[in-house]
């Protein structure tokens, strides 16, 4: 049995889930609404289950599969994780922080456009999707930090990965765009040749 798939998705207060006839799951919460089409073989139902910590009945989403075929087993865990991500997204939201490491690296947000100076001969302009908001902060003697916020985990991850790919951190000085807290594997530079 999929250990992730069989776990119920607890619904926090203020979050409602609806399953349409075509197996589209809509999750509505204080921060917005997300929907995801689920494979027709996978059954999604909104019910209740007993919470292990409190012993009380709590509303939850249960995902079940018809057989133990490898395809059904893989979809089972996938859709449970996607529904869980949507529930967390509409209740708490997601945040990713990136740091621009390098001399003269700058970041500025103008509406939905992120403008960055990344050491190229030209500035880089990145248009953000409307579901993602960004803020750029530069502290004195510190690297610029760009913070992305969204309710869609998949989208915010994709945006962050795309921005990181504009200037990946290099292994010698660590210059580039990195996630806050990310450890860059460093290499020793050339040592002077001994005679």
Protein backbone atom coordinates (compact mmCIF):
# COMPACT_ATOMS: atom_id res chain seq x y z
CA UNK A 1 0.00 0.00 0.00
CA UNK A 2 1.25 3.51 -0.80
CA UNK A 3 2.28 4.93 2.55
CA UNK A 4 1.70 8.46 1.28
CA UNK A 5 -1.48 7.65 -0.67
CA UNK A 6 -3.32 6.07 2.25
CA UNK A 7 -2.73 9.03 4.59
CA UNK A 8 -5.82 11.25 4.90
CA UNK A 9 -5.41 14.95 4.04
CA UNK A 10 -6.69 16.91 7.07
CA UNK A 11 -8.65 20.04 6.19
CA UNK A 12 -7.85 23.10 8.34
CA UNK A 13 -10.62 25.52 9.33
CA UNK A 14 -11.89 27.59 6.42
CA UNK A 15 -10.81 25.12 3.70
CA UNK A 16 -13.45 23.34 1.62
CA UNK A 17 -12.94 20.64 -1.02
CA UNK A 18 -15.33 19.74 -3.82
CA UNK A 19 -15.03 16.82 -6.23
CA UNK A 20 -16.78 17.40 -9.58
CA UNK A 21 -18.35 14.66 -11.73
CA UNK A 22 -15.32 14.64 -14.08
CA UNK A 23 -13.02 13.97 -11.06
CA UNK A 24 -11.72 17.55 -10.83
CA UNK A 25 -10.82 18.44 -7.25
CA UNK A 26 -11.36 22.10 -6.26
CA UNK A 27 -9.84 23.37 -3.02
CA UNK A 28 -11.08 26.71 -1.66
CA UNK A 29 -9.45 28.50 1.26
CA UNK A 30 -8.75 31.92 2.75
CA UNK A 31 -5.92 32.63 0.26
CA UNK A 32 -7.69 31.53 -2.94
CA UNK A 33 -8.91 28.57 -4.99
CA UNK A 34 -6.95 25.82 -6.76
CA UNK A 35 -8.16 22.90 -8.85
CA UNK A 36 -6.56 19.72 -10.17
CA UNK A 37 -7.89 17.09 -12.60
CA UNK A 38 -7.49 13.62 -11.09
CA UNK A 39 -7.18 10.40 -13.12
CA UNK A 40 -10.61 8.73 -13.47
CA UNK A 41 -9.36 5.49 -11.85
CA UNK A 42 -8.43 7.21 -8.57
CA UNK A 43 -11.32 7.84 -6.19
CA UNK A 44 -11.29 11.06 -4.16
CA UNK A 45 -13.85 11.56 -1.40
CA UNK A 46 -14.38 14.14 1.32
CA UNK A 47 -15.13 12.55 4.68
CA UNK A 48 -13.91 12.48 8.26
CA UNK A 49 -11.27 10.55 10.13
CA UNK A 50 -10.07 10.33 13.73
CA UNK A 51 -7.10 12.56 14.49
CA UNK A 52 -4.30 10.60 16.22
CA UNK A 53 -3.29 13.54 18.43
CA UNK A 54 -6.69 14.76 19.66
CA UNK A 55 -8.86 11.66 19.15
CA UNK A 56 -11.59 13.83 17.57
CA UNK A 57 -13.26 13.40 14.20
CA UNK A 58 -11.84 15.93 11.71
CA UNK A 59 -12.82 16.64 8.07
CA UNK A 60 -10.37 15.06 5.64
CA UNK A 61 -9.89 14.08 2.00
CA UNK A 62 -9.37 10.36 1.39
CA UNK A 63 -7.74 9.05 -1.80
CA UNK A 64 -8.22 5.39 -2.78
CA UNK A 65 -7.11 3.25 -5.73
CA UNK A 66 -8.96 0.35 -7.38
CA UNK A 67 -6.11 -2.17 -7.80
CA UNK A 68 -2.46 -2.76 -6.96
CA UNK A 69 -1.24 -2.29 -10.54
CA UNK A 70 2.03 -0.29 -10.69
CA UNK A 71 0.25 2.53 -12.56
CA UNK A 72 -2.48 2.85 -9.92
CA UNK A 73 0.07 2.65 -7.12
CA UNK A 74 2.12 5.52 -8.55
CA UNK A 75 -0.94 7.70 -9.22
CA UNK A 76 -2.28 7.05 -5.71
CA UNK A 77 0.62 8.74 -3.92
CA UNK A 78 0.93 11.45 -6.59
CA UNK A 79 -2.64 12.73 -6.35
CA UNK A 80 -2.69 12.56 -2.55
CA UNK A 81 0.48 14.72 -2.50
CA UNK A 82 -0.97 17.19 -5.05
CA UNK A 83 -4.21 17.57 -3.04
CA UNK A 84 -2.19 18.05 0.16
CA UNK A 85 -0.08 20.75 -1.57
CA UNK A 86 -3.28 22.54 -2.66
CA UNK A 87 -4.73 22.42 0.89
CA UNK A 88 -1.50 23.85 2.38
CA UNK A 89 -1.33 26.45 -0.41
CA UNK A 90 -4.84 27.90 0.08
CA UNK A 91 -4.50 27.88 3.89
CA UNK A 92 -0.87 28.99 4.50
CA UNK A 93 0.70 29.68 1.09
CA UNK A 94 4.26 28.95 -0.05
CA UNK A 95 7.37 31.11 0.12
CA UNK A 96 10.77 30.72 -1.56
CA UNK A 97 13.75 33.01 -0.93
CA UNK A 98 16.66 33.43 -3.34
CA UNK A 99 19.91 35.28 -2.81
CA UNK A 100 21.89 37.06 -5.53
CA UNK A 101 25.59 36.58 -4.75
CA UNK A 102 28.03 38.71 -6.72
CA UNK A 103 29.54 42.19 -6.96
CA UNK A 104 27.01 44.67 -8.36
CA UNK A 105 24.16 42.13 -8.46
CA UNK A 106 20.85 43.96 -7.95
CA UNK A 107 17.17 43.04 -7.95
CA UNK A 108 14.09 45.22 -8.17
CA UNK A 109 10.40 44.37 -8.52
CA UNK A 110 8.21 46.64 -10.67
CA UNK A 111 4.66 45.28 -10.69
CA UNK A 112 4.92 41.75 -12.09
CA UNK A 113 8.37 42.33 -13.65
CA UNK A 114 11.52 41.34 -11.78
CA UNK A 115 14.52 43.37 -12.95
CA UNK A 116 17.95 41.98 -12.14
CA UNK A 117 21.56 43.00 -12.77
CA UNK A 118 23.48 39.72 -12.92
CA UNK A 119 26.88 40.82 -14.17
CA UNK A 120 25.92 40.64 -17.86
CA UNK A 121 26.22 43.60 -20.23
CA UNK A 122 22.44 44.04 -20.01
CA UNK A 123 19.82 43.86 -17.26
CA UNK A 124 17.61 40.77 -17.10
CA UNK A 125 13.82 41.29 -17.00
CA UNK A 126 11.63 38.38 -15.85
CA UNK A 127 7.83 38.55 -16.13
CA UNK A 128 6.21 36.76 -13.18
CA UNK A 129 2.90 34.89 -13.51
CA UNK A 130 0.00 36.75 -11.89
CA UNK A 131 -0.34 34.03 -9.20
CA UNK A 132 3.20 34.75 -7.92
CA UNK A 133 4.16 37.89 -5.99
CA UNK A 134 7.76 38.93 -5.39
CA UNK A 135 9.59 41.37 -3.13
CA UNK A 136 13.27 42.34 -3.33
CA UNK A 137 15.23 43.49 -0.29
CA UNK A 138 18.84 44.71 -0.25
CA UNK A 139 20.35 45.27 3.16
CA UNK A 140 23.52 47.28 3.66
CA UNK A 141 26.62 45.16 3.02
CA UNK A 142 24.36 42.20 2.22
CA UNK A 143 23.31 40.39 -0.93
CA UNK A 144 19.92 41.20 -2.50
CA UNK A 145 17.25 38.70 -1.42
CA UNK A 146 14.18 38.07 -3.57
CA UNK A 147 11.15 36.49 -1.86
CA UNK A 148 8.45 34.76 -3.91
CA UNK A 149 4.99 34.00 -2.51
CA UNK A 150 2.19 31.97 -4.06
CA UNK A 151 -0.55 29.45 -3.24
CA UNK A 152 0.58 27.14 -6.08
CA UNK A 153 3.61 25.05 -5.00
CA UNK A 154 4.30 23.71 -8.49
CA UNK A 155 4.23 27.16 -10.12
CA UNK A 156 6.37 28.91 -7.49
CA UNK A 157 8.96 26.13 -7.70
CA UNK A 158 9.06 26.40 -11.48
CA UNK A 159 9.53 30.20 -11.35
CA UNK A 160 12.31 29.91 -8.76
CA UNK A 161 14.11 27.21 -10.80
CA UNK A 162 13.85 29.31 -13.98
CA UNK A 163 15.30 32.39 -12.24
CA UNK A 164 18.13 30.32 -10.70
CA UNK A 165 18.98 29.01 -14.20
CA UNK A 166 19.63 32.59 -15.39
CA UNK A 167 22.87 32.59 -13.37
CA UNK A 168 23.64 29.32 -11.62
CA UNK A 169 26.09 29.56 -8.69
CA UNK A 170 29.61 28.76 -9.86
CA UNK A 171 31.79 26.50 -7.66
CA UNK A 172 34.85 28.76 -7.21
CA UNK A 173 33.55 32.01 -5.72
CA UNK A 174 29.92 30.96 -5.33
CA UNK A 175 28.67 33.80 -7.56
CA UNK A 176 25.16 33.46 -8.94
CA UNK A 177 21.56 33.02 -7.82
CA UNK A 178 21.09 30.53 -4.99
CA UNK A 179 18.30 29.56 -2.63
CA UNK A 180 18.67 30.99 0.89
CA UNK A 181 20.30 28.26 2.99
CA UNK A 182 21.50 26.28 -0.05
CA UNK A 183 25.01 24.84 0.31
CA UNK A 184 27.12 25.31 -2.83
CA UNK A 185 29.81 22.67 -3.43
CA UNK A 186 32.99 24.71 -3.61
CA UNK A 187 36.16 23.84 -5.48
CA UNK A 188 39.70 25.00 -4.71
CA UNK A 189 41.03 27.41 -7.29
CA UNK A 190 44.29 26.94 -9.18
CA UNK A 191 47.27 26.89 -6.90
CA UNK A 192 50.51 28.54 -7.99
CA UNK A 193 52.75 25.98 -9.72
CA UNK A 194 55.57 24.78 -7.47
CA UNK A 195 59.01 24.70 -9.08
